[in-house]
PDB file of all heavy atoms in Angstrom:
ATOM      1  N   LEU A   1       0.801  -1.163  -0.081  1.00  0.00           N
ATOM      2  CA  LEU A   1       0.012  -0.023  -0.104  1.00  0.00           C
ATOM      3  C   LEU A   1       0.856   1.249   0.021  1.00  0.00           C
ATOM      4  O   LEU A   1       0.590   2.155  -0.759  1.00  0.00           O
ATOM      5  CB  LEU A   1      -0.937  -0.080   1.262  1.00  0.00           C
ATOM      6  CG  LEU A   1      -1.785   1.261   1.455  1.00  0.00           C
ATOM      7  CD1 LEU A   1      -2.748   1.465   0.255  1.00  0.00           C
ATOM      8  CD2 LEU A   1      -2.538   1.202   2.610  1.00  0.00           C
ATOM      9  N   ILE A   2       1.857   1.284   0.913  1.00  0.00           N
ATOM     10  CA  ILE A   2       2.760   2.451   0.903  1.00  0.00           C
ATOM     11  C   ILE A   2       3.440   2.669  -0.444  1.00  0.00           C
ATOM     12  O   ILE A   2       3.644   3.774  -0.854  1.00  0.00           O
ATOM     13  CB  ILE A   2       3.788   2.312   2.068  1.00  0.00           C
ATOM     14  CG1 ILE A   2       2.952   2.259   3.422  1.00  0.00           C
ATOM     15  CG2 ILE A   2       4.773   3.378   2.073  1.00  0.00           C
ATOM     16  CD1 ILE A   2       3.913   1.963   4.625  1.00  0.00           C
ATOM     17  N   ASN A   3       4.004   1.678  -1.064  1.00  0.00           N
ATOM     18  CA  ASN A   3       4.626   1.699  -2.357  1.00  0.00           C
ATOM     19  C   ASN A   3       3.671   2.206  -3.292  1.00  0.00           C
ATOM     20  O   ASN A   3       4.070   3.070  -4.345  1.00  0.00           O
ATOM     21  CB  ASN A   3       5.252   0.376  -2.794  1.00  0.00           C
ATOM     22  CG  ASN A   3       6.356  -0.102  -1.941  1.00  0.00           C
ATOM     23  OD1 ASN A   3       7.049   0.817  -1.295  1.00  0.00           O
ATOM     24  ND2 ASN A   3       6.606  -1.411  -1.902  1.00  0.00           N
ATOM     25  N   GLU A   4       2.384   1.740  -3.400  1.00  0.00           N
ATOM     26  CA  GLU A   4       1.486   2.294  -4.393  1.00  0.00           C
ATOM     27  C   GLU A   4       1.206   3.712  -4.153  1.00  0.00           C
ATOM     28  O   GLU A   4       1.063   4.455  -5.080  1.00  0.00           O
ATOM     29  CB  GLU A   4       0.244   1.478  -4.293  1.00  0.00           C
ATOM     30  CG  GLU A   4       0.259  -0.053  -4.623  1.00  0.00           C
ATOM     31  CD  GLU A   4       0.653  -0.225  -6.142  1.00  0.00           C
ATOM     32  OE1 GLU A   4       0.163   0.754  -6.983  1.00  0.00           O
ATOM     33  OE2 GLU A   4       1.283  -1.042  -6.504  1.00  0.00           O
ATOM     34  N   VAL A   5       1.154   4.170  -2.910  1.00  0.00           N
ATOM     35  CA  VAL A   5       0.877   5.535  -2.637  1.00  0.00           C
ATOM     36  C   VAL A   5       2.110   6.352  -3.169  1.00  0.00           C
ATOM     37  O   VAL A   5       1.822   7.457  -3.761  1.00  0.00           O
ATOM     38  CB  VAL A   5       0.747   5.693  -1.091  1.00  0.00           C
ATOM     39  CG1 VAL A   5       0.734   7.228  -0.802  1.00  0.00           C
ATOM     40  CG2 VAL A   5      -0.564   5.122  -0.605  1.00  0.00           C
ATOM     41  N   ARG A   6       3.303   5.887  -2.942  1.00  0.00           N
ATOM     42  CA  ARG A   6       4.483   6.657  -3.418  1.00  0.00           C
ATOM     43  C   ARG A   6       4.460   6.821  -4.932  1.00  0.00           C
ATOM     44  O   ARG A   6       4.744   7.819  -5.491  1.00  0.00           O
ATOM     45  CB  ARG A   6       5.783   5.957  -2.848  1.00  0.00           C
ATOM     46  CG  ARG A   6       5.904   6.145  -1.366  1.00  0.00           C
ATOM     47  CD  ARG A   6       7.137   5.273  -0.886  1.00  0.00           C
ATOM     48  NE  ARG A   6       7.328   5.564   0.517  1.00  0.00           N
ATOM     49  CZ  ARG A   6       8.329   4.853   1.175  1.00  0.00           C
ATOM     50  NH1 ARG A   6       8.986   3.880   0.610  1.00  0.00           N
ATOM     51  NH2 ARG A   6       8.361   5.039   2.418  1.00  0.00           N
ATOM     52  N   LYS A   7       4.122   5.665  -5.558  1.00  0.00           N
ATOM     53  CA  LYS A   7       4.130   5.709  -7.048  1.00  0.00           C
ATOM     54  C   LYS A   7       3.024   6.749  -7.596  1.00  0.00           C
ATOM     55  O   LYS A   7       3.246   7.406  -8.527  1.00  0.00           O
ATOM     56  CB  LYS A   7       3.738   4.184  -7.630  1.00  0.00           C
ATOM     57  CG  LYS A   7       4.910   3.259  -7.377  1.00  0.00           C
ATOM     58  CD  LYS A   7       4.447   1.938  -7.881  1.00  0.00           C
ATOM     59  CE  LYS A   7       5.560   0.888  -7.732  1.00  0.00           C
ATOM     60  NZ  LYS A   7       5.161  -0.436  -8.320  1.00  0.00           N
ATOM     61  N   ALA A   8       1.781   6.618  -6.984  1.00  0.00           N
ATOM     62  CA  ALA A   8       0.723   7.527  -7.445  1.00  0.00           C
ATOM     63  C   ALA A   8       1.139   8.943  -7.097  1.00  0.00           C
ATOM     64  O   ALA A   8       0.886   9.917  -7.929  1.00  0.00           O
ATOM     65  CB  ALA A   8      -0.587   7.081  -6.633  1.00  0.00           C
ATOM     66  N   GLN A   9       1.717   9.252  -5.989  1.00  0.00           N
ATOM     67  CA  GLN A   9       2.166  10.540  -5.658  1.00  0.00           C
ATOM     68  C   GLN A   9       3.179  11.090  -6.665  1.00  0.00           C
ATOM     69  O   GLN A   9       3.138  12.187  -7.156  1.00  0.00           O
ATOM     70  CB  GLN A   9       2.643  10.626  -4.230  1.00  0.00           C
ATOM     71  CG  GLN A   9       2.989  12.058  -3.736  1.00  0.00           C
ATOM     72  CD  GLN A   9       1.584  12.805  -3.773  1.00  0.00           C
ATOM     73  OE1 GLN A   9       0.806  12.472  -2.961  1.00  0.00           O
ATOM     74  NE2 GLN A   9       1.644  14.031  -4.461  1.00  0.00           N
ATOM     75  N   ALA A  10       4.112  10.215  -7.108  1.00  0.00           N
ATOM     76  CA  ALA A  10       5.225  10.620  -7.959  1.00  0.00           C
ATOM     77  C   ALA A  10       4.569  10.900  -9.371  1.00  0.00           C
ATOM     78  O   ALA A  10       5.039  11.913  -9.970  1.00  0.00           O
ATOM     79  CB  ALA A  10       6.277   9.604  -8.101  1.00  0.00           C
ATOM     80  N   ALA A  11       3.655  10.099  -9.798  1.00  0.00           N
ATOM     81  CA  ALA A  11       2.974  10.394 -11.083  1.00  0.00           C
ATOM     82  C   ALA A  11       2.205  11.636 -10.985  1.00  0.00           C
ATOM     83  O   ALA A  11       2.122  12.414 -12.026  1.00  0.00           O
ATOM     84  CB  ALA A  11       2.169   9.129 -11.447  1.00  0.00           C
ATOM     85  N   ALA A  12       1.480  11.863  -9.929  1.00  0.00           N
ATOM     86  CA  ALA A  12       0.766  13.125  -9.810  1.00  0.00           C
ATOM     87  C   ALA A  12       1.645  14.370  -9.715  1.00  0.00           C
ATOM     88  O   ALA A  12       1.344  15.416 -10.277  1.00  0.00           O
ATOM     89  CB  ALA A  12      -0.094  13.055  -8.606  1.00  0.00           C
ATOM     90  N   ASP A  13       2.853  14.179  -9.134  1.00  0.00           N
ATOM     91  CA  ASP A  13       3.676  15.358  -9.083  1.00  0.00           C
ATOM     92  C   ASP A  13       4.240  15.792 -10.507  1.00  0.00           C
ATOM     93  O   ASP A  13       4.450  17.011 -10.761  1.00  0.00           O
ATOM     94  CB  ASP A  13       4.981  15.039  -8.203  1.00  0.00           C
ATOM     95  CG  ASP A  13       4.566  14.875  -6.682  1.00  0.00           C
ATOM     96  OD1 ASP A  13       3.479  15.450  -6.398  1.00  0.00           O
ATOM     97  OD2 ASP A  13       5.364  14.367  -5.959  1.00  0.00           O
ATOM     98  N   LYS A  14       4.370  14.842 -11.385  1.00  0.00           N
ATOM     99  CA  LYS A  14       4.769  15.105 -12.757  1.00  0.00           C
ATOM    100  C   LYS A  14       3.676  15.806 -13.631  1.00  0.00           C
ATOM    101  O   LYS A  14       4.021  16.463 -14.612  1.00  0.00           O
ATOM    102  CB  LYS A  14       5.246  13.963 -13.326  1.00  0.00           C
ATOM    103  CG  LYS A  14       6.475  13.324 -12.750  1.00  0.00           C
ATOM    104  CD  LYS A  14       6.898  11.996 -13.489  1.00  0.00           C
ATOM    105  CE  LYS A  14       8.159  11.346 -12.801  1.00  0.00           C
ATOM    106  NZ  LYS A  14       8.488  10.082 -13.599  1.00  0.00           N
ATOM    107  N   ALA A  15       2.495  15.623 -13.105  1.00  0.00           N
ATOM    108  CA  ALA A  15       1.325  16.257 -14.001  1.00  0.00           C
ATOM    109  C   ALA A  15       0.503  17.098 -13.153  1.00  0.00           C
ATOM    110  O   ALA A  15      -0.749  17.193 -13.250  1.00  0.00           O
ATOM    111  CB  ALA A  15       0.594  14.996 -14.583  1.00  0.00           C
ATOM    112  N   GLN A  16       1.086  17.907 -12.296  1.00  0.00           N
ATOM    113  CA  GLN A  16       0.333  18.761 -11.379  1.00  0.00           C
ATOM    114  C   GLN A  16      -0.440  19.816 -12.124  1.00  0.00           C
ATOM    115  O   GLN A  16      -1.563  20.105 -11.760  1.00  0.00           O
ATOM    116  CB  GLN A  16       1.221  19.428 -10.255  1.00  0.00           C
ATOM    117  CG  GLN A  16       1.708  18.445  -9.210  1.00  0.00           C
ATOM    118  CD  GLN A  16       2.417  19.212  -8.094  1.00  0.00           C
ATOM    119  OE1 GLN A  16       2.936  20.322  -8.208  1.00  0.00           O
ATOM    120  NE2 GLN A  16       2.511  18.476  -6.994  1.00  0.00           N
ATOM    121  N   ASP A  17       0.115  20.480 -13.080  1.00  0.00           N
ATOM    122  CA  ASP A  17      -0.564  21.431 -13.877  1.00  0.00           C
ATOM    123  C   ASP A  17      -1.849  20.987 -14.553  1.00  0.00           C
ATOM    124  O   ASP A  17      -2.896  21.544 -14.479  1.00  0.00           O
ATOM    125  CB  ASP A  17       0.403  22.099 -14.872  1.00  0.00           C
ATOM    126  CG  ASP A  17       1.511  23.101 -14.204  1.00  0.00           C
ATOM    127  OD1 ASP A  17       1.180  23.439 -13.134  1.00  0.00           O
ATOM    128  OD2 ASP A  17       2.503  23.159 -14.727  1.00  0.00           O
ATOM    129  N   LYS A  18      -1.637  19.768 -15.179  1.00  0.00           N
ATOM    130  CA  LYS A  18      -2.815  19.181 -15.895  1.00  0.00           C
ATOM    131  C   LYS A  18      -3.918  18.758 -14.837  1.00  0.00           C
ATOM    132  O   LYS A  18      -5.089  19.020 -15.068  1.00  0.00           O
ATOM    133  CB  LYS A  18      -2.251  17.916 -16.623  1.00  0.00           C
ATOM    134  CG  LYS A  18      -3.419  17.259 -17.419  1.00  0.00           C
ATOM    135  CD  LYS A  18      -2.966  16.043 -18.157  1.00  0.00           C
ATOM    136  CE  LYS A  18      -4.020  15.370 -18.891  1.00  0.00           C
ATOM    137  NZ  LYS A  18      -3.484  14.183 -19.748  1.00  0.00           N
ATOM    138  N   ILE A  19      -3.446  18.213 -13.717  1.00  0.00           N
ATOM    139  CA  ILE A  19      -4.362  17.815 -12.672  1.00  0.00           C
ATOM    140  C   ILE A  19      -5.188  19.038 -12.096  1.00  0.00           C
ATOM    141  O   ILE A  19      -6.366  18.892 -11.879  1.00  0.00           O
ATOM    142  CB  ILE A  19      -3.637  17.045 -11.607  1.00  0.00           C
ATOM    143  CG1 ILE A  19      -3.161  15.727 -12.070  1.00  0.00           C
ATOM    144  CG2 ILE A  19      -4.517  16.926 -10.362  1.00  0.00           C
ATOM    145  CD1 ILE A  19      -2.293  14.986 -11.160  1.00  0.00           C
ATOM    146  N   LEU A  20      -4.399  20.045 -11.894  1.00  0.00           N
ATOM    147  CA  LEU A  20      -5.059  21.320 -11.441  1.00  0.00           C
ATOM    148  C   LEU A  20      -6.082  21.863 -12.384  1.00  0.00           C
ATOM    149  O   LEU A  20      -7.323  22.214 -11.950  1.00  0.00           O
ATOM    150  CB  LEU A  20      -4.043  22.422 -11.055  1.00  0.00           C
ATOM    151  CG  LEU A  20      -4.620  23.838 -10.609  1.00  0.00           C
ATOM    152  CD1 LEU A  20      -5.319  23.601  -9.328  1.00  0.00           C
ATOM    153  CD2 LEU A  20      -3.490  24.710 -10.422  1.00  0.00           C
ATOM    154  N   ASP A  21      -5.756  21.834 -13.712  1.00  0.00           N
ATOM    155  CA  ASP A  21      -6.648  22.370 -14.661  1.00  0.00           C
ATOM    156  C   ASP A  21      -7.934  21.462 -14.765  1.00  0.00           C
ATOM    157  O   ASP A  21      -9.150  22.001 -14.771  1.00  0.00           O
ATOM    158  CB  ASP A  21      -6.023  22.334 -16.015  1.00  0.00           C
ATOM    159  CG  ASP A  21      -4.915  23.495 -16.169  1.00  0.00           C
ATOM    160  OD1 ASP A  21      -4.941  24.409 -15.378  1.00  0.00           O
ATOM    161  OD2 ASP A  21      -4.127  23.276 -17.024  1.00  0.00           O
ATOM    162  N   GLU A  22      -7.783  20.141 -14.610  1.00  0.00           N
ATOM    163  CA  GLU A  22      -8.967  19.216 -14.638  1.00  0.00           C
ATOM    164  C   GLU A  22      -9.747  19.425 -13.269  1.00  0.00           C
ATOM    165  O   GLU A  22     -10.993  19.319 -13.347  1.00  0.00           O
ATOM    166  CB  GLU A  22      -8.445  17.817 -14.797  1.00  0.00           C
ATOM    167  CG  GLU A  22      -7.900  17.549 -16.088  1.00  0.00           C
ATOM    168  CD  GLU A  22      -7.376  16.068 -16.279  1.00  0.00           C
ATOM    169  OE1 GLU A  22      -7.481  15.369 -15.124  1.00  0.00           O
ATOM    170  OE2 GLU A  22      -6.936  15.678 -17.268  1.00  0.00           O
ATOM    171  N   PHE A  23      -9.066  19.723 -12.242  1.00  0.00           N
ATOM    172  CA  PHE A  23      -9.851  19.793 -10.981  1.00  0.00           C
ATOM    173  C   PHE A  23     -10.531  21.049 -10.982  1.00  0.00           C
ATOM    174  O   PHE A  23     -11.761  21.165 -10.499  1.00  0.00           O
ATOM    175  CB  PHE A  23      -8.738  19.868  -9.816  1.00  0.00           C
ATOM    176  CG  PHE A  23      -9.316  20.015  -8.421  1.00  0.00           C
ATOM    177  CD1 PHE A  23      -9.854  19.001  -7.772  1.00  0.00           C
ATOM    178  CD2 PHE A  23      -9.406  21.377  -7.993  1.00  0.00           C
ATOM    179  CE1 PHE A  23     -10.417  19.239  -6.487  1.00  0.00           C
ATOM    180  CE2 PHE A  23      -9.971  21.564  -6.705  1.00  0.00           C
ATOM    181  CZ  PHE A  23     -10.520  20.462  -6.022  1.00  0.00           C
ATOM    182  N   LEU A  24     -10.049  22.230 -11.453  1.00  0.00           N
ATOM    183  CA  LEU A  24     -10.819  23.440 -11.592  1.00  0.00           C
ATOM    184  C   LEU A  24     -12.009  23.406 -12.539  1.00  0.00           C
ATOM    185  O   LEU A  24     -13.087  24.028 -12.299  1.00  0.00           O
ATOM    186  CB  LEU A  24      -9.886  24.597 -11.908  1.00  0.00           C
ATOM    187  CG  LEU A  24      -8.798  24.844 -10.900  1.00  0.00           C
ATOM    188  CD1 LEU A  24      -7.876  26.006 -11.423  1.00  0.00           C
ATOM    189  CD2 LEU A  24      -9.359  25.370  -9.600  1.00  0.00           C
ATOM    190  N   ARG A  25     -11.802  22.523 -13.604  1.00  0.00           N
ATOM    191  CA  ARG A  25     -12.977  22.489 -14.412  1.00  0.00           C
ATOM    192  C   ARG A  25     -14.132  21.616 -13.686  1.00  0.00           C
ATOM    193  O   ARG A  25     -15.295  21.925 -13.999  1.00  0.00           O
ATOM    194  CB  ARG A  25     -12.503  21.674 -15.878  1.00  0.00           C
ATOM    195  CG  ARG A  25     -11.864  22.571 -16.792  1.00  0.00           C
ATOM    196  CD  ARG A  25     -11.835  21.919 -18.082  1.00  0.00           C
ATOM    197  NE  ARG A  25     -11.109  20.730 -18.190  1.00  0.00           N
ATOM    198  CZ  ARG A  25      -9.732  20.620 -18.335  1.00  0.00           C
ATOM    199  NH1 ARG A  25      -9.111  21.731 -18.702  1.00  0.00           N
ATOM    200  NH2 ARG A  25      -9.165  19.379 -18.268  1.00  0.00           N
ATOM    201  N   ASP A  26     -13.723  20.707 -12.963  1.00  0.00           N
ATOM    202  CA  ASP A  26     -14.707  19.812 -12.228  1.00  0.00           C
ATOM    203  C   ASP A  26     -15.314  20.608 -11.014  1.00  0.00           C
ATOM    204  O   ASP A  26     -16.348  20.222 -10.593  1.00  0.00           O
ATOM    205  CB  ASP A  26     -14.067  18.546 -11.626  1.00  0.00           C
ATOM    206  CG  ASP A  26     -13.701  17.595 -12.847  1.00  0.00           C
ATOM    207  OD1 ASP A  26     -14.185  17.792 -13.989  1.00  0.00           O
ATOM    208  OD2 ASP A  26     -12.777  16.845 -12.608  1.00  0.00           O
ATOM    209  N   HIS A  27     -14.636  21.684 -10.589  1.00  0.00           N
ATOM    210  CA  HIS A  27     -15.114  22.449  -9.480  1.00  0.00           C
ATOM    211  C   HIS A  27     -15.150  23.939  -9.829  1.00  0.00           C
ATOM    212  O   HIS A  27     -14.344  24.842  -9.334  1.00  0.00           O
ATOM    213  CB  HIS A  27     -14.277  22.310  -8.218  1.00  0.00           C
ATOM    214  CG  HIS A  27     -14.117  20.819  -7.776  1.00  0.00           C
ATOM    215  ND1 HIS A  27     -13.358  19.909  -8.435  1.00  0.00           N
ATOM    216  CD2 HIS A  27     -14.834  20.191  -6.724  1.00  0.00           C
ATOM    217  CE1 HIS A  27     -13.495  18.746  -7.807  1.00  0.00           C
ATOM    218  NE2 HIS A  27     -14.392  18.867  -6.816  1.00  0.00           N
ATOM    219  N   PRO A  28     -16.100  24.326 -10.754  1.00  0.00           N
ATOM    220  CA  PRO A  28     -15.982  25.744 -11.031  1.00  0.00           C
ATOM    221  C   PRO A  28     -16.445  26.781  -9.992  1.00  0.00           C
ATOM    222  O   PRO A  28     -16.215  27.966 -10.154  1.00  0.00           O
ATOM    223  CB  PRO A  28     -17.150  25.780 -12.331  1.00  0.00           C
ATOM    224  CG  PRO A  28     -17.921  24.566 -11.977  1.00  0.00           C
ATOM    225  CD  PRO A  28     -17.118  23.490 -11.390  1.00  0.00           C
ATOM    226  N   GLU A  29     -17.099  26.231  -9.066  1.00  0.00           N
ATOM    227  CA  GLU A  29     -17.514  27.167  -7.938  1.00  0.00           C
ATOM    228  C   GLU A  29     -16.451  27.704  -7.112  1.00  0.00           C
ATOM    229  O   GLU A  29     -16.629  28.735  -6.439  1.00  0.00           O
ATOM    230  CB  GLU A  29     -18.520  26.349  -7.001  1.00  0.00           C
ATOM    231  CG  GLU A  29     -17.846  25.272  -6.081  1.00  0.00           C
ATOM    232  CD  GLU A  29     -17.716  24.026  -6.775  1.00  0.00           C
ATOM    233  OE1 GLU A  29     -17.996  23.866  -7.993  1.00  0.00           O
ATOM    234  OE2 GLU A  29     -17.171  23.084  -6.234  1.00  0.00           O
TER     235      GLU A  29
END
């Protein structure tokens, strides 16, 4: 579980700008 969390976090760190844009589109409020 800890290894999976680290992998997911590393992948998310590389795509933070894309993730933020998608997050803001999903939460326009």
